Amino acid sequence: MNKARGFTLVELMVTLIVVAILMAIAIPSYRQSVIKGNRRAAQAVMMEMISRQEQYFVANRVYATKAELDYSLPQEVEANYEYDFALDAGPPPSVTVNFVAEAGQVGDGDLSASTLGTKTPAEKW
């Protein structure tokens, strides 16, 4: 018959140290994963905006301003980025979509992509 026994102070301390080490590894890794996921969601939206800009250009022979395109960011992207367009009359005419990081994404930095295929910062793409 096994007798129930309490934990000794040493056993509790070892358990707490192991849990603390695991948390020290897991929490930063999880945060980086969330930041990377937010960046990927923003990049997908940027590519959709570029596509819409190209469609607008074909129909109107100019790229759209932010007001003309009237694009609403998905909620999960809007919580982390603000966007704007930089129009360039060219030649060749182009537009750059700029996403400025906010809230928890600030440390990851801003993103941009243009209709000419330029994407910055390159290491984030």
C-alpha atoms as a PDB file:
ATOM      1  CA  MET A   1       0.000   0.000   0.000  1.00  0.00           C
ATOM      2  CA  ASN A   2       1.436   3.369  -1.048  1.00  0.00           C
ATOM      3  CA  LYS A   3       1.385   6.183   1.416  1.00  0.00           C
ATOM      4  CA  ALA A   4       0.633   9.618   0.062  1.00  0.00           C
ATOM      5  CA  ARG A   5       3.426  12.040   0.844  1.00  0.00           C
ATOM      6  CA  GLY A   6       3.887  15.736   0.342  1.00  0.00           C
ATOM      7  CA  PHE A   7       6.559  17.302  -1.787  1.00  0.00           C
ATOM      8  CA  THR A   8       9.740  18.420  -0.110  1.00  0.00           C
ATOM      9  CA  LEU A   9      10.941  21.969  -0.542  1.00  0.00           C
ATOM     10  CA  VAL A  10      13.783  20.789  -2.803  1.00  0.00           C
ATOM     11  CA  GLU A  11      11.375  18.905  -5.089  1.00  0.00           C
ATOM     12  CA  LEU A  12       9.148  21.971  -5.367  1.00  0.00           C
ATOM     13  CA  MET A  13      12.123  24.207  -6.164  1.00  0.00           C
ATOM     14  CA  VAL A  14      13.356  21.828  -8.882  1.00  0.00           C
ATOM     15  CA  THR A  15       9.866  21.675 -10.376  1.00  0.00           C
ATOM     16  CA  LEU A  16       9.575  25.480 -10.390  1.00  0.00           C
ATOM     17  CA  ILE A  17      13.001  25.848 -12.008  1.00  0.00           C
ATOM     18  CA  VAL A  18      12.091  23.361 -14.759  1.00  0.00           C
ATOM     19  CA  VAL A  19       8.785  25.163 -15.416  1.00  0.00           C
ATOM     20  CA  ALA A  20      10.553  28.544 -15.482  1.00  0.00           C
ATOM     21  CA  ILE A  21      13.118  27.290 -18.003  1.00  0.00           C
ATOM     22  CA  LEU A  22      10.404  25.865 -20.235  1.00  0.00           C
ATOM     23  CA  MET A  23       8.463  29.145 -20.093  1.00  0.00           C
ATOM     24  CA  ALA A  24      11.598  31.157 -20.853  1.00  0.00           C
ATOM     25  CA  ILE A  25      11.981  29.138 -24.054  1.00  0.00           C
ATOM     26  CA  ALA A  26       8.324  28.762 -25.062  1.00  0.00           C
ATOM     27  CA  ILE A  27       6.977  32.306 -24.578  1.00  0.00           C
ATOM     28  CA  PRO A  28       9.462  34.164 -26.825  1.00  0.00           C
ATOM     29  CA  SER A  29       9.138  31.435 -29.452  1.00  0.00           C
ATOM     30  CA  TYR A  30       5.354  31.765 -29.370  1.00  0.00           C
ATOM     31  CA  ARG A  31       5.547  35.565 -29.668  1.00  0.00           C
ATOM     32  CA  GLN A  32       7.832  35.299 -32.698  1.00  0.00           C
ATOM     33  CA  SER A  33       5.418  32.844 -34.275  1.00  0.00           C
ATOM     34  CA  VAL A  34       2.511  35.250 -33.755  1.00  0.00           C
ATOM     35  CA  ILE A  35       4.492  38.167 -35.218  1.00  0.00           C
ATOM     36  CA  LYS A  36       5.489  36.097 -38.255  1.00  0.00           C
ATOM     37  CA  GLY A  37       1.871  35.006 -38.753  1.00  0.00           C
ATOM     38  CA  ASN A  38       0.696  38.624 -38.591  1.00  0.00           C
ATOM     39  CA  ARG A  39       3.342  39.598 -41.164  1.00  0.00           C
ATOM     40  CA  ARG A  40       2.265  36.802 -43.526  1.00  0.00           C
ATOM     41  CA  ALA A  41      -1.386  37.896 -43.252  1.00  0.00           C
ATOM     42  CA  ALA A  42      -0.376  41.489 -44.058  1.00  0.00           C
ATOM     43  CA  GLN A  43       1.696  40.370 -47.041  1.00  0.00           C
ATOM     44  CA  ALA A  44      -1.249  38.405 -48.445  1.00  0.00           C
ATOM     45  CA  VAL A  45      -3.434  41.510 -48.143  1.00  0.00           C
ATOM     46  CA  MET A  46      -0.737  43.608 -49.822  1.00  0.00           C
ATOM     47  CA  MET A  47      -0.637  41.230 -52.783  1.00  0.00           C
ATOM     48  CA  GLU A  48      -4.431  41.434 -53.048  1.00  0.00           C
ATOM     49  CA  MET A  49      -4.185  45.245 -53.038  1.00  0.00           C
ATOM     50  CA  ILE A  50      -1.557  45.133 -55.790  1.00  0.00           C
ATOM     51  CA  SER A  51      -3.881  42.933 -57.827  1.00  0.00           C
ATOM     52  CA  ARG A  52      -6.790  45.335 -57.313  1.00  0.00           C
ATOM     53  CA  GLN A  53      -4.574  48.251 -58.252  1.00  0.00           C
ATOM     54  CA  GLU A  54      -3.624  46.511 -61.494  1.00  0.00           C
ATOM     55  CA  GLN A  55      -7.310  45.880 -62.276  1.00  0.00           C
ATOM     56  CA  TYR A  56      -8.089  49.527 -61.555  1.00  0.00           C
ATOM     57  CA  PHE A  57      -5.205  50.603 -63.793  1.00  0.00           C
ATOM     58  CA  VAL A  58      -6.464  48.494 -66.707  1.00  0.00           C
ATOM     59  CA  ALA A  59      -9.925  50.015 -66.383  1.00  0.00           C
ATOM     60  CA  ASN A  60      -8.899  53.646 -65.707  1.00  0.00           C
ATOM     61  CA  ARG A  61      -5.350  54.022 -67.061  1.00  0.00           C
ATOM     62  CA  VAL A  62      -4.217  55.362 -63.657  1.00  0.00           C
ATOM     63  CA  TYR A  63      -3.672  53.764 -60.271  1.00  0.00           C
ATOM     64  CA  ALA A  64      -6.182  54.390 -57.482  1.00  0.00           C
ATOM     65  CA  THR A  65      -5.689  56.549 -54.431  1.00  0.00           C
ATOM     66  CA  LYS A  66      -6.579  55.117 -51.039  1.00  0.00           C
ATOM     67  CA  ALA A  67     -10.000  56.795 -51.216  1.00  0.00           C
ATOM     68  CA  GLU A  68     -10.679  55.541 -54.752  1.00  0.00           C
ATOM     69  CA  LEU A  69      -9.766  51.935 -53.996  1.00  0.00           C
ATOM     70  CA  ASP A  70     -11.795  52.026 -50.747  1.00  0.00           C
ATOM     71  CA  TYR A  71     -10.225  48.861 -49.335  1.00  0.00           C
ATOM     72  CA  SER A  72     -11.045  47.673 -45.822  1.00  0.00           C
ATOM     73  CA  LEU A  73      -8.311  45.718 -44.100  1.00  0.00           C
ATOM     74  CA  PRO A  74      -9.283  42.445 -42.456  1.00  0.00           C
ATOM     75  CA  GLN A  75      -9.623  42.904 -38.707  1.00  0.00           C
ATOM     76  CA  GLU A  76      -6.525  40.853 -37.811  1.00  0.00           C
ATOM     77  CA  VAL A  77      -4.383  42.944 -40.174  1.00  0.00           C
ATOM     78  CA  GLU A  78      -5.953  46.276 -39.217  1.00  0.00           C
ATOM     79  CA  ALA A  79      -5.031  45.621 -35.574  1.00  0.00           C
ATOM     80  CA  ASN A  80      -1.338  45.505 -36.527  1.00  0.00           C
ATOM     81  CA  TYR A  81      -0.858  47.748 -39.561  1.00  0.00           C
ATOM     82  CA  GLU A  82      -1.945  51.038 -41.100  1.00  0.00           C
ATOM     83  CA  TYR A  83      -1.622  51.335 -44.878  1.00  0.00           C
ATOM     84  CA  ASP A  84      -1.278  53.917 -47.610  1.00  0.00           C
ATOM     85  CA  PHE A  85      -0.430  54.086 -51.305  1.00  0.00           C
ATOM     86  CA  ALA A  86       2.453  55.973 -52.908  1.00  0.00           C
ATOM     87  CA  LEU A  87       1.567  56.743 -56.540  1.00  0.00           C
ATOM     88  CA  ASP A  88       4.314  57.312 -59.123  1.00  0.00           C
ATOM     89  CA  ALA A  89       3.343  58.695 -62.531  1.00  0.00           C
ATOM     90  CA  GLY A  90       6.416  57.061 -64.046  1.00  0.00           C
ATOM     91  CA  PRO A  91       7.398  56.155 -66.591  1.00  0.00           C
ATOM     92  CA  PRO A  92       6.427  53.450 -66.021  1.00  0.00           C
ATOM     93  CA  PRO A  93       3.517  54.348 -63.758  1.00  0.00           C
ATOM     94  CA  SER A  94       3.438  52.384 -60.520  1.00  0.00           C
ATOM     95  CA  VAL A  95       2.019  52.291 -57.044  1.00  0.00           C
ATOM     96  CA  THR A  96       3.628  51.158 -53.812  1.00  0.00           C
ATOM     97  CA  VAL A  97       1.551  49.755 -50.961  1.00  0.00           C
ATOM     98  CA  ASN A  98       3.077  50.740 -47.616  1.00  0.00           C
ATOM     99  CA  PHE A  99       2.113  49.006 -44.373  1.00  0.00           C
ATOM    100  CA  VAL A 100       3.243  50.756 -41.199  1.00  0.00           C
ATOM    101  CA  ALA A 101       3.512  48.409 -38.229  1.00  0.00           C
ATOM    102  CA  GLU A 102       1.523  49.219 -35.102  1.00  0.00           C
ATOM    103  CA  ALA A 103       0.974  47.690 -31.669  1.00  0.00           C
ATOM    104  CA  GLY A 104       2.779  44.356 -31.250  1.00  0.00           C
ATOM    105  CA  GLN A 105       4.151  44.419 -34.823  1.00  0.00           C
ATOM    106  CA  VAL A 106       6.278  47.570 -34.368  1.00  0.00           C
ATOM    107  CA  GLY A 107       9.377  45.535 -33.556  1.00  0.00           C
ATOM    108  CA  ASP A 108       8.961  43.579 -36.799  1.00  0.00           C
ATOM    109  CA  GLY A 109       9.005  46.760 -38.894  1.00  0.00           C
ATOM    110  CA  ASP A 110       7.139  48.197 -41.858  1.00  0.00           C
ATOM    111  CA  LEU A 111       6.439  46.454 -45.166  1.00  0.00           C
ATOM    112  CA  SER A 112       6.037  47.667 -48.736  1.00  0.00           C
ATOM    113  CA  ALA A 113       5.346  46.156 -52.143  1.00  0.00           C
ATOM    114  CA  SER A 114       4.968  47.800 -55.530  1.00  0.00           C
ATOM    115  CA  THR A 115       3.360  47.006 -58.849  1.00  0.00           C
ATOM    116  CA  LEU A 116       6.901  46.868 -60.263  1.00  0.00           C
ATOM    117  CA  GLY A 117       7.644  43.830 -58.086  1.00  0.00           C
ATOM    118  CA  THR A 118       9.767  45.584 -55.461  1.00  0.00           C
ATOM    119  CA  LYS A 119       9.230  44.226 -51.936  1.00  0.00           C
ATOM    120  CA  THR A 120      10.933  45.637 -48.861  1.00  0.00           C
ATOM    121  CA  PRO A 121      12.517  44.764 -46.570  1.00  0.00           C
ATOM    122  CA  ALA A 122      13.747  41.851 -48.656  1.00  0.00           C
ATOM    123  CA  GLU A 123      14.561  39.651 -45.647  1.00  0.00           C
ATOM    124  CA  LYS A 124      10.903  39.759 -44.523  1.00  0.00           C
ATOM    125  CA  TRP A 125       9.620  38.461 -47.852  1.00  0.00           C
END
